């Protein structure tokens, strides 16, 4: 019947010789007991639902905590990976710069060696030219000596050759 508090206050029981009408009181008590039993059942169901909800809340809070911890670990891991990548990149750059310096120094040494070799070859060519010129002059003198014996040779003609 689902009595409300106002309903119970507004019930008027008929009086009889010895008090209230017993049948009416028993009927009212039965209905109130029935409503009370229904409320107790509803209350128990609500308590069960509340406990289930609290368990679910705790379960999801645990998941939330795990996810938060996972995100923190993931963030730390990504920070470490980024830091390691930066260090690796810096090391690669330093290594590349060092290799570039070594290559430049080696190229400069090669240039200096080539210049020295060029100067040496230039001197050798000059020495060889002077030696050949000396030999040619000596040969010309020899030829002049032979020609003087046979016929006079004009020096201006030899220099023109």
N, C-alpha and C. Protein backbone atom coordinates (compact mmCIF):
# COMPACT_ATOMS: atom_id res chain seq x y z
N UNK A 1 0.81 -1.18 0.00
CA UNK A 1 0.00 0.00 0.00
C UNK A 1 0.86 1.25 0.00
N UNK A 2 2.08 1.17 0.52
CA UNK A 2 3.03 2.27 0.54
C UNK A 2 2.48 3.49 1.29
N UNK A 3 2.41 3.35 2.58
CA UNK A 3 1.96 4.46 3.42
C UNK A 3 3.04 5.52 3.46
N UNK A 4 2.58 6.74 3.49
CA UNK A 4 3.46 7.87 3.69
C UNK A 4 3.27 8.31 5.14
N UNK A 5 4.22 9.04 5.72
CA UNK A 5 4.07 9.45 7.13
C UNK A 5 2.77 10.23 7.37
N UNK A 6 2.39 11.07 6.42
CA UNK A 6 1.14 11.83 6.60
C UNK A 6 -0.07 10.91 6.59
N UNK A 7 0.00 9.85 5.75
CA UNK A 7 -1.11 8.90 5.68
C UNK A 7 -1.32 8.24 7.04
N UNK A 8 -0.23 7.85 7.69
CA UNK A 8 -0.33 7.19 8.98
C UNK A 8 -0.89 8.15 10.04
N UNK A 9 -0.52 9.38 9.95
CA UNK A 9 -1.01 10.36 10.94
C UNK A 9 -2.50 10.67 10.73
N UNK A 10 -2.94 10.53 9.51
CA UNK A 10 -4.33 10.89 9.21
C UNK A 10 -5.31 9.71 9.34
N UNK A 11 -4.82 8.53 9.69
CA UNK A 11 -5.72 7.37 9.83
C UNK A 11 -6.55 7.56 11.10
N UNK A 12 -7.78 7.33 10.90
CA UNK A 12 -8.69 7.42 12.05
C UNK A 12 -9.20 6.00 12.34
N UNK A 13 -8.92 5.54 13.53
CA UNK A 13 -9.37 4.21 13.91
C UNK A 13 -10.67 4.35 14.72
N UNK A 14 -11.57 3.44 14.44
CA UNK A 14 -12.85 3.47 15.14
C UNK A 14 -12.63 2.90 16.54
N UNK A 15 -13.30 3.49 17.45
CA UNK A 15 -13.19 3.03 18.83
C UNK A 15 -14.31 2.03 19.10
N UNK A 16 -13.98 1.12 19.92
CA UNK A 16 -14.98 0.14 20.34
C UNK A 16 -15.04 0.16 21.87
N UNK A 17 -15.71 -0.77 22.41
CA UNK A 17 -15.94 -0.81 23.83
C UNK A 17 -14.63 -0.90 24.62
N UNK A 18 -13.69 -1.62 24.19
CA UNK A 18 -12.45 -1.83 24.92
C UNK A 18 -11.29 -1.08 24.26
N UNK A 19 -11.52 -0.18 23.48
CA UNK A 19 -10.45 0.57 22.80
C UNK A 19 -10.74 0.65 21.32
N UNK A 20 -9.71 0.47 20.58
CA UNK A 20 -9.85 0.57 19.11
C UNK A 20 -10.36 -0.75 18.56
N UNK A 21 -10.94 -0.67 17.35
CA UNK A 21 -11.45 -1.85 16.66
C UNK A 21 -10.26 -2.73 16.32
N UNK A 22 -10.26 -3.93 16.88
CA UNK A 22 -9.13 -4.85 16.75
C UNK A 22 -8.90 -5.22 15.29
N UNK A 23 -9.93 -5.51 14.55
CA UNK A 23 -9.77 -5.91 13.15
C UNK A 23 -9.15 -4.78 12.33
N UNK A 24 -9.61 -3.60 12.57
CA UNK A 24 -9.09 -2.45 11.85
C UNK A 24 -7.62 -2.22 12.22
N UNK A 25 -7.28 -2.36 13.50
CA UNK A 25 -5.89 -2.17 13.94
C UNK A 25 -5.01 -3.27 13.37
N UNK A 26 -5.49 -4.51 13.40
CA UNK A 26 -4.69 -5.61 12.85
C UNK A 26 -4.48 -5.44 11.35
N UNK A 27 -5.52 -5.00 10.64
CA UNK A 27 -5.42 -4.77 9.19
C UNK A 27 -4.40 -3.65 8.92
N UNK A 28 -4.47 -2.60 9.71
CA UNK A 28 -3.52 -1.49 9.54
C UNK A 28 -2.09 -1.95 9.85
N UNK A 29 -1.92 -2.70 10.92
CA UNK A 29 -0.58 -3.20 11.28
C UNK A 29 -0.04 -4.13 10.19
N UNK A 30 -0.90 -4.95 9.61
CA UNK A 30 -0.47 -5.86 8.54
C UNK A 30 0.01 -5.06 7.33
N UNK A 31 -0.77 -4.02 7.01
CA UNK A 31 -0.37 -3.18 5.86
C UNK A 31 0.94 -2.42 6.16
N UNK A 32 1.07 -1.91 7.37
CA UNK A 32 2.29 -1.19 7.75
C UNK A 32 3.47 -2.16 7.76
N UNK A 33 3.25 -3.38 8.27
CA UNK A 33 4.32 -4.39 8.29
C UNK A 33 4.73 -4.75 6.86
N UNK A 34 3.72 -4.85 6.00
CA UNK A 34 4.01 -5.16 4.58
C UNK A 34 4.83 -4.02 3.95
N UNK A 35 4.44 -2.79 4.19
CA UNK A 35 5.19 -1.65 3.66
C UNK A 35 6.59 -1.60 4.25
N UNK A 36 6.68 -1.87 5.56
CA UNK A 36 7.98 -1.85 6.22
C UNK A 36 8.90 -2.93 5.65
N UNK A 37 8.33 -4.12 5.41
CA UNK A 37 9.12 -5.21 4.82
C UNK A 37 9.60 -4.82 3.42
N UNK A 38 8.72 -4.18 2.66
CA UNK A 38 9.10 -3.74 1.31
C UNK A 38 10.20 -2.68 1.37
N UNK A 39 10.08 -1.76 2.31
CA UNK A 39 11.12 -0.73 2.48
C UNK A 39 12.45 -1.35 2.92
N UNK A 40 12.35 -2.35 3.79
CA UNK A 40 13.57 -3.02 4.24
C UNK A 40 14.24 -3.72 3.06
N UNK A 41 13.42 -4.40 2.22
CA UNK A 41 13.98 -5.06 1.03
C UNK A 41 14.60 -4.02 0.08
N UNK A 42 13.88 -2.92 -0.16
CA UNK A 42 14.40 -1.86 -1.04
C UNK A 42 15.69 -1.28 -0.46
N UNK A 43 15.70 -1.09 0.85
CA UNK A 43 16.89 -0.56 1.52
C UNK A 43 18.06 -1.52 1.36
N UNK A 44 17.79 -2.83 1.50
CA UNK A 44 18.86 -3.83 1.34
C UNK A 44 19.38 -3.82 -0.10
N UNK A 45 18.44 -3.74 -1.06
CA UNK A 45 18.85 -3.68 -2.46
C UNK A 45 19.70 -2.44 -2.72
N UNK A 46 19.28 -1.31 -2.16
CA UNK A 46 20.03 -0.07 -2.35
C UNK A 46 21.41 -0.16 -1.72
N UNK A 47 21.47 -0.82 -0.53
CA UNK A 47 22.77 -1.02 0.12
C UNK A 47 23.69 -1.88 -0.75
N UNK A 48 23.10 -2.95 -1.33
CA UNK A 48 23.89 -3.81 -2.23
C UNK A 48 24.38 -3.03 -3.44
N UNK A 49 23.47 -2.23 -4.02
CA UNK A 49 23.86 -1.42 -5.17
C UNK A 49 24.96 -0.43 -4.78
N UNK A 50 24.82 0.15 -3.59
CA UNK A 50 25.81 1.09 -3.11
C UNK A 50 27.16 0.40 -2.95
N UNK A 51 27.14 -0.80 -2.35
CA UNK A 51 28.40 -1.55 -2.18
C UNK A 51 29.00 -1.89 -3.54
N UNK A 52 28.16 -2.34 -4.49
CA UNK A 52 28.65 -2.63 -5.84
C UNK A 52 29.24 -1.37 -6.48
N UNK A 53 28.53 -0.26 -6.31
CA UNK A 53 29.01 1.00 -6.89
C UNK A 53 30.33 1.41 -6.25
N UNK A 54 30.43 1.25 -4.92
CA UNK A 54 31.69 1.59 -4.25
C UNK A 54 32.83 0.69 -4.70
N UNK A 55 32.52 -0.61 -4.88
CA UNK A 55 33.55 -1.54 -5.39
C UNK A 55 34.00 -1.13 -6.80
N UNK A 56 33.01 -0.76 -7.63
CA UNK A 56 33.35 -0.32 -8.99
C UNK A 56 34.16 0.96 -8.95
N UNK A 57 33.78 1.87 -8.07
CA UNK A 57 34.53 3.13 -7.94
C UNK A 57 35.96 2.83 -7.53
N UNK A 58 36.11 1.94 -6.53
CA UNK A 58 37.47 1.57 -6.10
C UNK A 58 38.24 0.89 -7.22
N UNK A 59 37.55 0.01 -7.97
CA UNK A 59 38.18 -0.67 -9.10
C UNK A 59 38.65 0.36 -10.13
N UNK A 60 37.76 1.30 -10.48
CA UNK A 60 38.11 2.30 -11.48
C UNK A 60 39.16 3.28 -10.96
N UNK A 61 39.12 3.54 -9.64
CA UNK A 61 40.18 4.38 -9.07
C UNK A 61 41.53 3.66 -9.17
N UNK A 62 41.51 2.34 -8.95
CA UNK A 62 42.74 1.56 -9.12
C UNK A 62 43.23 1.61 -10.55
N UNK A 63 42.31 1.48 -11.49
CA UNK A 63 42.67 1.58 -12.92
C UNK A 63 43.21 2.97 -13.21
N UNK A 64 42.54 3.99 -12.65
CA UNK A 64 42.98 5.36 -12.87
C UNK A 64 44.40 5.56 -12.34
N UNK A 65 44.65 5.02 -11.15
CA UNK A 65 45.99 5.12 -10.56
C UNK A 65 47.01 4.40 -11.43
N UNK A 66 46.64 3.20 -11.89
CA UNK A 66 47.55 2.45 -12.77
C UNK A 66 47.83 3.20 -14.06
N UNK A 67 46.77 3.76 -14.64
CA UNK A 67 46.94 4.53 -15.88
C UNK A 67 47.81 5.76 -15.64
N UNK A 68 47.55 6.42 -14.51
CA UNK A 68 48.36 7.60 -14.18
C UNK A 68 49.82 7.21 -14.03
N UNK A 69 50.07 6.12 -13.30
CA UNK A 69 51.44 5.65 -13.12
C UNK A 69 52.06 5.26 -14.46
N UNK A 70 51.26 4.61 -15.31
CA UNK A 70 51.75 4.23 -16.64
C UNK A 70 52.11 5.45 -17.46
N UNK A 71 51.26 6.48 -17.37
CA UNK A 71 51.54 7.72 -18.11
C UNK A 71 52.80 8.39 -17.58
N UNK A 72 52.98 8.37 -16.26
CA UNK A 72 54.18 8.97 -15.68
C UNK A 72 55.41 8.21 -16.16
N UNK A 73 55.33 6.87 -16.12
CA UNK A 73 56.46 6.06 -16.58
C UNK A 73 56.71 6.29 -18.07
N UNK A 74 55.63 6.37 -18.85
CA UNK A 74 55.78 6.62 -20.29
C UNK A 74 56.41 7.98 -20.53
N UNK A 75 55.99 8.99 -19.77
CA UNK A 75 56.57 10.32 -19.91
C UNK A 75 58.05 10.31 -19.55
N UNK A 76 58.39 9.64 -18.45
CA UNK A 76 59.79 9.56 -18.04
C UNK A 76 60.61 8.82 -19.09
N UNK A 77 60.04 7.73 -19.61
CA UNK A 77 60.74 6.96 -20.64
C UNK A 77 60.94 7.80 -21.89
N UNK A 78 59.89 8.53 -22.30
CA UNK A 78 60.05 9.37 -23.49
C UNK A 78 61.07 10.47 -23.25
N UNK A 79 61.07 11.04 -22.04
CA UNK A 79 62.07 12.06 -21.71
C UNK A 79 63.48 11.49 -21.78
N UNK A 80 63.65 10.27 -21.26
CA UNK A 80 64.96 9.62 -21.31
C UNK A 80 65.37 9.33 -22.74
N UNK A 81 64.41 8.86 -23.54
CA UNK A 81 64.71 8.56 -24.95
C UNK A 81 65.11 9.83 -25.68
N UNK A 82 64.39 10.92 -25.41
CA UNK A 82 64.72 12.19 -26.07
C UNK A 82 66.10 12.67 -25.63
N UNK A 83 66.37 12.56 -24.32
CA UNK A 83 67.68 12.99 -23.81
C UNK A 83 68.79 12.14 -24.42
N UNK A 84 68.57 10.82 -24.50
CA UNK A 84 69.58 9.94 -25.11
C UNK A 84 69.76 10.25 -26.59
N UNK A 85 68.66 10.54 -27.26
CA UNK A 85 68.75 10.87 -28.69
C UNK A 85 69.53 12.16 -28.89
N UNK A 86 69.30 13.15 -28.01
CA UNK A 86 70.04 14.41 -28.11
C UNK A 86 71.52 14.18 -27.86
N UNK A 87 71.84 13.37 -26.84
CA UNK A 87 73.24 13.07 -26.55
C UNK A 87 73.87 12.34 -27.73
N UNK A 88 73.13 11.38 -28.28
CA UNK A 88 73.64 10.63 -29.43
C UNK A 88 73.87 11.56 -30.62
N UNK A 89 72.92 12.47 -30.84
CA UNK A 89 73.06 13.42 -31.96
C UNK A 89 74.27 14.33 -31.73
N UNK A 90 74.44 14.78 -30.49
CA UNK A 90 75.60 15.63 -30.18
C UNK A 90 76.90 14.86 -30.41
N UNK A 91 76.92 13.59 -29.98
CA UNK A 91 78.12 12.77 -30.19
C UNK A 91 78.39 12.56 -31.67
N UNK A 92 77.34 12.32 -32.43
CA UNK A 92 77.50 12.12 -33.88
C UNK A 92 78.04 13.39 -34.52
N UNK A 93 77.49 14.54 -34.10
CA UNK A 93 77.95 15.82 -34.65
C UNK A 93 79.40 16.06 -34.29
N UNK A 94 79.76 15.82 -33.02
CA UNK A 94 81.15 16.02 -32.60
C UNK A 94 82.08 15.10 -33.37
N UNK A 95 81.66 13.84 -33.53
CA UNK A 95 82.47 12.88 -34.27
C UNK A 95 82.62 13.31 -35.73
N UNK A 96 81.52 13.78 -36.32
CA UNK A 96 81.57 14.23 -37.71
C UNK A 96 82.48 15.46 -37.85
N UNK A 97 82.39 16.38 -36.88
CA UNK A 97 83.25 17.57 -36.92
C UNK A 97 84.72 17.16 -36.79
N UNK A 98 84.98 16.21 -35.90
CA UNK A 98 86.36 15.73 -35.72
C UNK A 98 86.86 15.08 -37.01
N UNK A 99 86.04 14.24 -37.61
CA UNK A 99 86.43 13.61 -38.87
C UNK A 99 86.64 14.66 -39.96
N UNK A 100 85.76 15.66 -40.00
CA UNK A 100 85.90 16.72 -41.00
C UNK A 100 87.22 17.46 -40.80
N UNK A 101 87.56 17.77 -39.54
CA UNK A 101 88.83 18.44 -39.25
C UNK A 101 90.00 17.57 -39.69
N UNK A 102 89.91 16.27 -39.40
CA UNK A 102 90.99 15.36 -39.80
C UNK A 102 91.12 15.31 -41.32
N UNK A 103 89.98 15.27 -42.00
CA UNK A 103 90.01 15.22 -43.47
C UNK A 103 90.61 16.52 -44.01
N UNK A 104 90.22 17.66 -43.43
CA UNK A 104 90.76 18.96 -43.88
C UNK A 104 92.26 19.02 -43.61
N UNK A 105 92.68 18.58 -42.43
CA UNK A 105 94.10 18.59 -42.10
C UNK A 105 94.88 17.68 -43.06
N UNK A 106 94.32 16.52 -43.35
CA UNK A 106 94.97 15.60 -44.28
C UNK A 106 95.03 16.21 -45.68
N UNK A 107 93.94 16.87 -46.09
CA UNK A 107 93.93 17.52 -47.41
C UNK A 107 94.95 18.64 -47.45
N UNK A 108 95.07 19.42 -46.35
CA UNK A 108 96.07 20.48 -46.30
C UNK A 108 97.48 19.90 -46.38
N UNK A 109 97.71 18.80 -45.68
CA UNK A 109 99.02 18.13 -45.76
C UNK A 109 99.29 17.66 -47.18
N UNK A 110 98.26 17.09 -47.81
CA UNK A 110 98.42 16.63 -49.20
C UNK A 110 98.72 17.81 -50.12
N UNK A 111 98.03 18.93 -49.90
CA UNK A 111 98.30 20.13 -50.71
C UNK A 111 99.74 20.58 -50.51
N UNK A 112 100.19 20.63 -49.25
CA UNK A 112 101.57 21.04 -48.97
C UNK A 112 102.56 20.05 -49.60
N UNK A 113 102.26 18.76 -49.45
CA UNK A 113 103.14 17.75 -50.07
C UNK A 113 103.17 17.91 -51.58
N UNK A 114 101.99 18.19 -52.17
CA UNK A 114 101.94 18.37 -53.62
C UNK A 114 102.70 19.61 -54.04
N UNK A 115 102.57 20.69 -53.27
CA UNK A 115 103.33 21.92 -53.58
C UNK A 115 104.83 21.66 -53.48
N UNK A 116 105.22 20.95 -52.43
CA UNK A 116 106.65 20.62 -52.27
C UNK A 116 107.13 19.78 -53.45
N UNK A 117 106.29 18.81 -53.80
CA UNK A 117 106.65 17.95 -54.93
C UNK A 117 106.72 18.77 -56.21
N UNK A 118 105.76 19.71 -56.39
CA UNK A 118 105.76 20.57 -57.57
C UNK A 118 107.04 21.41 -57.61
N UNK A 119 107.39 22.01 -56.46
CA UNK A 119 108.60 22.82 -56.40
C UNK A 119 109.84 21.97 -56.68
N UNK A 120 109.84 20.74 -56.14
CA UNK A 120 110.98 19.85 -56.39
C UNK A 120 111.06 19.50 -57.87
N UNK A 121 109.92 19.17 -58.48
CA UNK A 121 109.91 18.83 -59.91
C UNK A 121 110.30 20.05 -60.72
N UNK A 122 109.82 21.23 -60.31
CA UNK A 122 110.16 22.47 -61.00
C UNK A 122 111.68 22.70 -60.96
N UNK A 123 112.27 22.49 -59.78
CA UNK A 123 113.73 22.64 -59.65
C UNK A 123 114.45 21.60 -60.49
N UNK A 124 113.91 20.36 -60.44
CA UNK A 124 114.55 19.30 -61.24
C UNK A 124 114.47 19.63 -62.73
N UNK A 125 113.30 20.17 -63.17
CA UNK A 125 113.14 20.52 -64.58
C UNK A 125 114.10 21.65 -64.93
N UNK A 126 114.19 22.65 -64.03
CA UNK A 126 115.10 23.76 -64.27
C UNK A 126 116.55 23.26 -64.33
N UNK A 127 116.86 22.36 -63.39
CA UNK A 127 118.23 21.80 -63.38
C UNK A 127 118.46 21.00 -64.65
N UNK A 128 117.45 20.23 -65.04
CA UNK A 128 117.59 19.43 -66.26
C UNK A 128 117.71 20.34 -67.47
N UNK A 129 116.89 21.43 -67.51
CA UNK A 129 116.96 22.37 -68.61
C UNK A 129 118.35 23.00 -68.68
N UNK A 130 118.86 23.39 -67.51
CA UNK A 130 120.19 24.00 -67.48
C UNK A 130 121.25 22.99 -67.93
N UNK A 131 121.07 21.74 -67.49
CA UNK A 131 122.02 20.70 -67.87
C UNK A 131 121.96 20.46 -69.38
N UNK A 132 120.73 20.39 -69.92
CA UNK A 132 120.57 20.18 -71.37
C UNK A 132 121.13 21.38 -72.12
N UNK A 133 120.83 22.59 -71.60
CA UNK A 133 121.36 23.79 -72.24
C UNK A 133 122.88 23.78 -72.20
N UNK A 134 123.41 23.35 -71.08
CA UNK A 134 124.86 23.28 -70.93
C UNK A 134 125.44 22.27 -71.92
N UNK A 135 124.74 21.15 -72.05
CA UNK A 135 125.21 20.12 -73.00
C UNK A 135 125.13 20.65 -74.42
N UNK A 136 124.02 21.34 -74.71
CA UNK A 136 123.86 21.89 -76.06
C UNK A 136 124.94 22.92 -76.33
N UNK A 137 125.23 23.80 -75.37
CA UNK A 137 126.29 24.80 -75.54
C UNK A 137 127.64 24.11 -75.76
N UNK A 138 127.81 23.06 -74.93
CA UNK A 138 129.08 22.33 -75.09
C UNK A 138 129.15 21.72 -76.48
N UNK A 139 128.05 21.19 -76.95
CA UNK A 139 128.02 20.60 -78.29
C UNK A 139 128.26 21.68 -79.35
N UNK A 140 127.66 22.88 -79.11
CA UNK A 140 127.85 23.96 -80.06
C UNK A 140 129.32 24.39 -80.09
N UNK A 141 129.89 24.45 -78.91
CA UNK A 141 131.32 24.81 -78.87
C UNK A 141 132.14 23.75 -79.60
N UNK A 142 131.76 22.52 -79.38
CA UNK A 142 132.48 21.46 -80.09
C UNK A 142 132.31 21.63 -81.59
N UNK A 143 131.09 21.98 -81.97
CA UNK A 143 130.84 22.15 -83.40
C UNK A 143 131.61 23.36 -83.92
N UNK A 144 131.71 24.42 -83.10
CA UNK A 144 132.46 25.59 -83.51
C UNK A 144 133.93 25.24 -83.67
N UNK A 145 134.38 24.45 -82.74
CA UNK A 145 135.78 24.05 -82.82
C UNK A 145 136.01 23.24 -84.08
N UNK A 146 135.07 22.40 -84.43
CA UNK A 146 135.22 21.60 -85.65
C UNK A 146 135.12 22.50 -86.88
N UNK A 147 134.20 23.46 -86.80
CA UNK A 147 134.02 24.35 -87.92
C UNK A 147 135.21 25.29 -88.07
N UNK A 148 135.79 25.71 -86.99
CA UNK A 148 136.95 26.58 -87.06
C UNK A 148 138.08 25.86 -87.76
N UNK A 149 138.06 24.62 -87.54
CA UNK A 149 139.10 23.85 -88.20
C UNK A 149 138.75 23.79 -89.69
N UNK A 150 137.50 23.62 -90.01
CA UNK A 150 137.09 23.47 -91.40
C UNK A 150 136.68 24.82 -92.01
N UNK A 151 135.87 25.56 -91.36
CA UNK A 151 135.43 26.84 -91.89
C UNK A 151 134.97 27.74 -90.76
N UNK A 152 135.01 29.00 -90.94
CA UNK A 152 134.63 29.90 -89.86
C UNK A 152 133.11 29.90 -89.64
N UNK A 153 132.73 29.93 -88.38
CA UNK A 153 131.29 29.91 -88.01
C UNK A 153 130.97 31.24 -87.35
N UNK A 154 129.81 31.79 -87.74
CA UNK A 154 129.36 33.05 -87.17
C UNK A 154 128.55 32.73 -85.90
N UNK A 155 128.93 33.31 -84.79
CA UNK A 155 128.29 33.04 -83.50
C UNK A 155 126.85 33.55 -83.50
N UNK A 156 126.58 34.57 -84.20
CA UNK A 156 125.23 35.12 -84.23
C UNK A 156 124.27 34.12 -84.87
N UNK A 157 124.78 33.35 -85.84
CA UNK A 157 123.93 32.35 -86.47
C UNK A 157 123.57 31.25 -85.47
N UNK A 158 124.50 30.88 -84.62
CA UNK A 158 124.27 29.81 -83.65
C UNK A 158 123.27 30.27 -82.59
N UNK A 159 123.40 31.50 -82.13
CA UNK A 159 122.49 31.99 -81.11
C UNK A 159 121.08 32.09 -81.65
N UNK A 160 120.91 32.37 -82.91
CA UNK A 160 119.59 32.46 -83.50
C UNK A 160 118.92 31.11 -83.53
N UNK A 161 119.72 30.05 -83.61
CA UNK A 161 119.17 28.70 -83.66
C UNK A 161 118.68 28.37 -82.31
